[in-house]
Amino acid sequence: MAKYFHTAQFKNNREGFNLLSVIIKPFKIQHYFIDFESAGHYGDNLIRYVVGKDYTVGLINPLTTDAYRKNGNSKNQA
């Protein structure tokens, strides 16, 4: 099974969510699995959008990603 990893930034609104769909479309895979940091109620609309597109969603604890970055395991270090 091929794995694709990509980070993207987009606005937290319908226009931004549509941009997300445009960003991932070129990967041309059968099923999308999207991980993102839990952002409380700020992520609710995004969750509804991607679930509505039949994408699988994974929520990551922000403390976990912060520790990951601090340990130097990320190419996208903050």
N, C-alpha and C. Protein backbone atom coordinates (compact mmCIF):
# COMPACT_ATOMS: atom_id res chain seq x y z
N MET A 1 0.85 -1.19 0.00
CA MET A 1 0.00 0.00 0.00
C MET A 1 0.89 1.24 0.00
N ALA A 2 0.69 2.12 -0.94
CA ALA A 2 1.47 3.35 -1.03
C ALA A 2 1.03 4.32 0.06
N LYS A 3 2.00 5.08 0.55
CA LYS A 3 1.70 6.11 1.55
C LYS A 3 2.14 7.45 1.01
N TYR A 4 1.28 8.44 1.18
CA TYR A 4 1.58 9.79 0.76
C TYR A 4 1.47 10.70 1.97
N PHE A 5 2.42 11.59 2.11
CA PHE A 5 2.40 12.53 3.21
C PHE A 5 2.54 13.93 2.62
N HIS A 6 1.69 14.81 3.06
CA HIS A 6 1.71 16.17 2.55
C HIS A 6 1.12 17.07 3.62
N THR A 7 1.69 18.23 3.80
CA THR A 7 1.09 19.21 4.70
C THR A 7 0.51 20.33 3.86
N ALA A 8 -0.55 20.93 4.35
CA ALA A 8 -1.20 22.01 3.61
C ALA A 8 -1.85 22.97 4.60
N GLN A 9 -1.90 24.21 4.21
CA GLN A 9 -2.61 25.21 4.98
C GLN A 9 -3.74 25.76 4.12
N PHE A 10 -4.88 25.97 4.76
CA PHE A 10 -6.04 26.51 4.07
C PHE A 10 -6.94 27.16 5.10
N LYS A 11 -7.81 28.03 4.64
CA LYS A 11 -8.71 28.74 5.55
C LYS A 11 -9.77 27.79 6.10
N ASN A 12 -10.26 28.12 7.29
CA ASN A 12 -11.26 27.31 7.97
C ASN A 12 -12.67 27.75 7.53
N ASN A 13 -12.94 27.57 6.23
CA ASN A 13 -14.26 27.88 5.69
C ASN A 13 -14.48 27.02 4.45
N ARG A 14 -15.63 27.11 3.85
CA ARG A 14 -15.97 26.29 2.69
C ARG A 14 -14.94 26.47 1.56
N GLU A 15 -14.53 27.69 1.30
CA GLU A 15 -13.54 27.95 0.26
C GLU A 15 -12.22 27.24 0.57
N GLY A 16 -11.79 27.29 1.81
CA GLY A 16 -10.57 26.61 2.21
C GLY A 16 -10.69 25.10 2.11
N PHE A 17 -11.85 24.57 2.49
CA PHE A 17 -12.07 23.13 2.42
C PHE A 17 -12.08 22.65 0.97
N ASN A 18 -12.67 23.47 0.09
CA ASN A 18 -12.64 23.12 -1.33
C ASN A 18 -11.21 23.14 -1.85
N LEU A 19 -10.39 24.07 -1.36
CA LEU A 19 -8.98 24.10 -1.73
C LEU A 19 -8.29 22.80 -1.29
N LEU A 20 -8.62 22.31 -0.11
CA LEU A 20 -8.07 21.04 0.36
C LEU A 20 -8.37 19.93 -0.65
N SER A 21 -9.60 19.86 -1.12
CA SER A 21 -9.96 18.84 -2.11
C SER A 21 -9.13 18.98 -3.38
N VAL A 22 -8.86 20.21 -3.80
CA VAL A 22 -8.03 20.45 -4.99
C VAL A 22 -6.60 19.99 -4.72
N ILE A 23 -6.10 20.26 -3.52
CA ILE A 23 -4.72 19.89 -3.17
C ILE A 23 -4.52 18.38 -3.20
N ILE A 24 -5.49 17.62 -2.68
CA ILE A 24 -5.29 16.17 -2.58
C ILE A 24 -5.72 15.41 -3.83
N LYS A 25 -6.48 16.02 -4.70
CA LYS A 25 -6.97 15.33 -5.90
C LYS A 25 -5.85 14.72 -6.76
N PRO A 26 -4.71 15.40 -6.96
CA PRO A 26 -3.65 14.83 -7.81
C PRO A 26 -3.07 13.51 -7.29
N PHE A 27 -3.26 13.20 -6.02
CA PHE A 27 -2.70 11.96 -5.49
C PHE A 27 -3.39 10.72 -6.07
N LYS A 28 -4.61 10.87 -6.56
CA LYS A 28 -5.35 9.82 -7.24
C LYS A 28 -5.24 8.46 -6.54
N ILE A 29 -5.68 8.44 -5.31
CA ILE A 29 -5.72 7.19 -4.55
C ILE A 29 -7.18 6.82 -4.31
N GLN A 30 -7.42 5.57 -3.99
CA GLN A 30 -8.80 5.11 -3.82
C GLN A 30 -9.46 5.69 -2.58
N HIS A 31 -8.72 5.78 -1.49
CA HIS A 31 -9.34 6.23 -0.25
C HIS A 31 -8.39 7.18 0.47
N TYR A 32 -8.91 8.32 0.88
CA TYR A 32 -8.10 9.32 1.57
C TYR A 32 -8.23 9.15 3.08
N PHE A 33 -7.09 9.20 3.75
CA PHE A 33 -7.05 9.21 5.21
C PHE A 33 -6.37 10.51 5.60
N ILE A 34 -7.11 11.37 6.26
CA ILE A 34 -6.61 12.70 6.58
C ILE A 34 -6.43 12.83 8.09
N ASP A 35 -5.21 13.15 8.49
CA ASP A 35 -4.90 13.42 9.90
C ASP A 35 -4.75 14.91 10.09
N PHE A 36 -5.24 15.41 11.21
CA PHE A 36 -4.97 16.79 11.56
C PHE A 36 -5.05 16.95 13.06
N GLU A 37 -4.37 18.00 13.55
CA GLU A 37 -4.38 18.25 14.98
C GLU A 37 -5.76 18.64 15.43
N SER A 38 -6.14 18.12 16.57
CA SER A 38 -7.40 18.50 17.17
C SER A 38 -7.35 19.98 17.51
N ALA A 39 -8.36 20.71 17.11
CA ALA A 39 -8.40 22.16 17.35
C ALA A 39 -9.69 22.53 18.07
N GLY A 40 -10.22 21.62 18.87
CA GLY A 40 -11.47 21.90 19.57
C GLY A 40 -12.59 22.15 18.59
N HIS A 41 -13.45 23.10 18.92
CA HIS A 41 -14.60 23.37 18.06
C HIS A 41 -14.20 24.01 16.73
N TYR A 42 -12.97 24.51 16.61
CA TYR A 42 -12.51 25.10 15.36
C TYR A 42 -12.43 24.07 14.23
N GLY A 43 -12.26 22.81 14.57
CA GLY A 43 -12.15 21.77 13.56
C GLY A 43 -13.47 21.10 13.20
N ASP A 44 -14.53 21.45 13.89
CA ASP A 44 -15.82 20.77 13.67
C ASP A 44 -16.30 20.85 12.23
N ASN A 45 -16.23 22.04 11.63
CA ASN A 45 -16.70 22.19 10.24
C ASN A 45 -15.83 21.39 9.28
N LEU A 46 -14.52 21.37 9.53
CA LEU A 46 -13.63 20.58 8.68
C LEU A 46 -13.95 19.09 8.79
N ILE A 47 -14.19 18.63 9.99
CA ILE A 47 -14.54 17.22 10.18
C ILE A 47 -15.80 16.88 9.40
N ARG A 48 -16.82 17.71 9.52
CA ARG A 48 -18.07 17.47 8.78
C ARG A 48 -17.81 17.45 7.27
N TYR A 49 -16.97 18.36 6.80
CA TYR A 49 -16.69 18.43 5.36
C TYR A 49 -16.00 17.16 4.88
N VAL A 50 -14.92 16.75 5.53
CA VAL A 50 -14.17 15.60 5.03
C VAL A 50 -14.94 14.29 5.22
N VAL A 51 -15.71 14.18 6.29
CA VAL A 51 -16.54 13.00 6.46
C VAL A 51 -17.61 12.96 5.36
N GLY A 52 -18.15 14.13 5.01
CA GLY A 52 -19.13 14.22 3.92
C GLY A 52 -18.53 13.81 2.58
N LYS A 53 -17.23 13.95 2.42
CA LYS A 53 -16.53 13.52 1.20
C LYS A 53 -16.13 12.05 1.28
N ASP A 54 -16.48 11.39 2.36
CA ASP A 54 -16.17 9.97 2.61
C ASP A 54 -14.68 9.74 2.81
N TYR A 55 -13.98 10.75 3.35
CA TYR A 55 -12.58 10.58 3.72
C TYR A 55 -12.54 10.06 5.15
N THR A 56 -11.52 9.27 5.47
CA THR A 56 -11.31 8.83 6.84
C THR A 56 -10.51 9.92 7.56
N VAL A 57 -10.92 10.22 8.78
CA VAL A 57 -10.32 11.31 9.53
C VAL A 57 -9.61 10.77 10.77
N GLY A 58 -8.41 11.28 11.01
CA GLY A 58 -7.68 10.97 12.23
C GLY A 58 -7.37 12.26 12.96
N LEU A 59 -7.75 12.34 14.24
CA LEU A 59 -7.43 13.51 15.04
C LEU A 59 -6.20 13.21 15.88
N ILE A 60 -5.25 14.11 15.85
CA ILE A 60 -4.00 13.94 16.58
C ILE A 60 -3.97 14.94 17.73
N ASN A 61 -3.57 14.47 18.89
CA ASN A 61 -3.42 15.33 20.05
C ASN A 61 -2.30 16.33 19.79
N PRO A 62 -2.55 17.64 19.94
CA PRO A 62 -1.51 18.65 19.69
C PRO A 62 -0.26 18.44 20.56
N LEU A 63 -0.42 17.92 21.74
CA LEU A 63 0.75 17.66 22.59
C LEU A 63 1.65 16.61 21.96
N THR A 64 1.05 15.65 21.28
CA THR A 64 1.82 14.60 20.60
C THR A 64 2.63 15.18 19.45
N THR A 65 2.02 16.02 18.65
CA THR A 65 2.74 16.59 17.51
C THR A 65 3.81 17.57 17.97
N ASP A 66 3.55 18.29 19.07
CA ASP A 66 4.54 19.20 19.62
C ASP A 66 5.77 18.42 20.08
N ALA A 67 5.54 17.32 20.78
CA ALA A 67 6.65 16.48 21.24
C ALA A 67 7.40 15.89 20.06
N TYR A 68 6.68 15.51 19.03
CA TYR A 68 7.29 14.94 17.82
C TYR A 68 8.23 15.96 17.18
N ARG A 69 7.76 17.21 17.06
CA ARG A 69 8.59 18.28 16.49
C ARG A 69 9.81 18.55 17.35
N LYS A 70 9.63 18.59 18.66
CA LYS A 70 10.74 18.88 19.58
C LYS A 70 11.80 17.79 19.54
N ASN A 71 11.43 16.58 19.24
CA ASN A 71 12.38 15.48 19.15
C ASN A 71 13.08 15.45 17.80
N GLY A 72 12.76 16.40 16.90
CA GLY A 72 13.44 16.47 15.61
C GLY A 72 12.97 15.44 14.61
N ASN A 73 11.75 14.94 14.78
CA ASN A 73 11.24 13.89 13.89
C ASN A 73 10.39 14.45 12.76
N SER A 74 10.33 15.73 12.61
CA SER A 74 9.47 16.32 11.59
C SER A 74 10.29 17.10 10.57
N LYS A 75 9.95 16.94 9.30
CA LYS A 75 10.59 17.73 8.25
C LYS A 75 10.09 19.16 8.28
N ASN A 76 8.90 19.36 8.88
CA ASN A 76 8.27 20.68 8.92
C ASN A 76 8.38 21.25 10.33
N GLN A 77 9.57 21.39 10.83
CA GLN A 77 9.75 21.85 12.19
C GLN A 77 9.31 23.30 12.33
N ALA A 78 8.65 23.55 13.46
CA ALA A 78 8.16 24.91 13.73
C ALA A 78 9.27 25.78 14.27
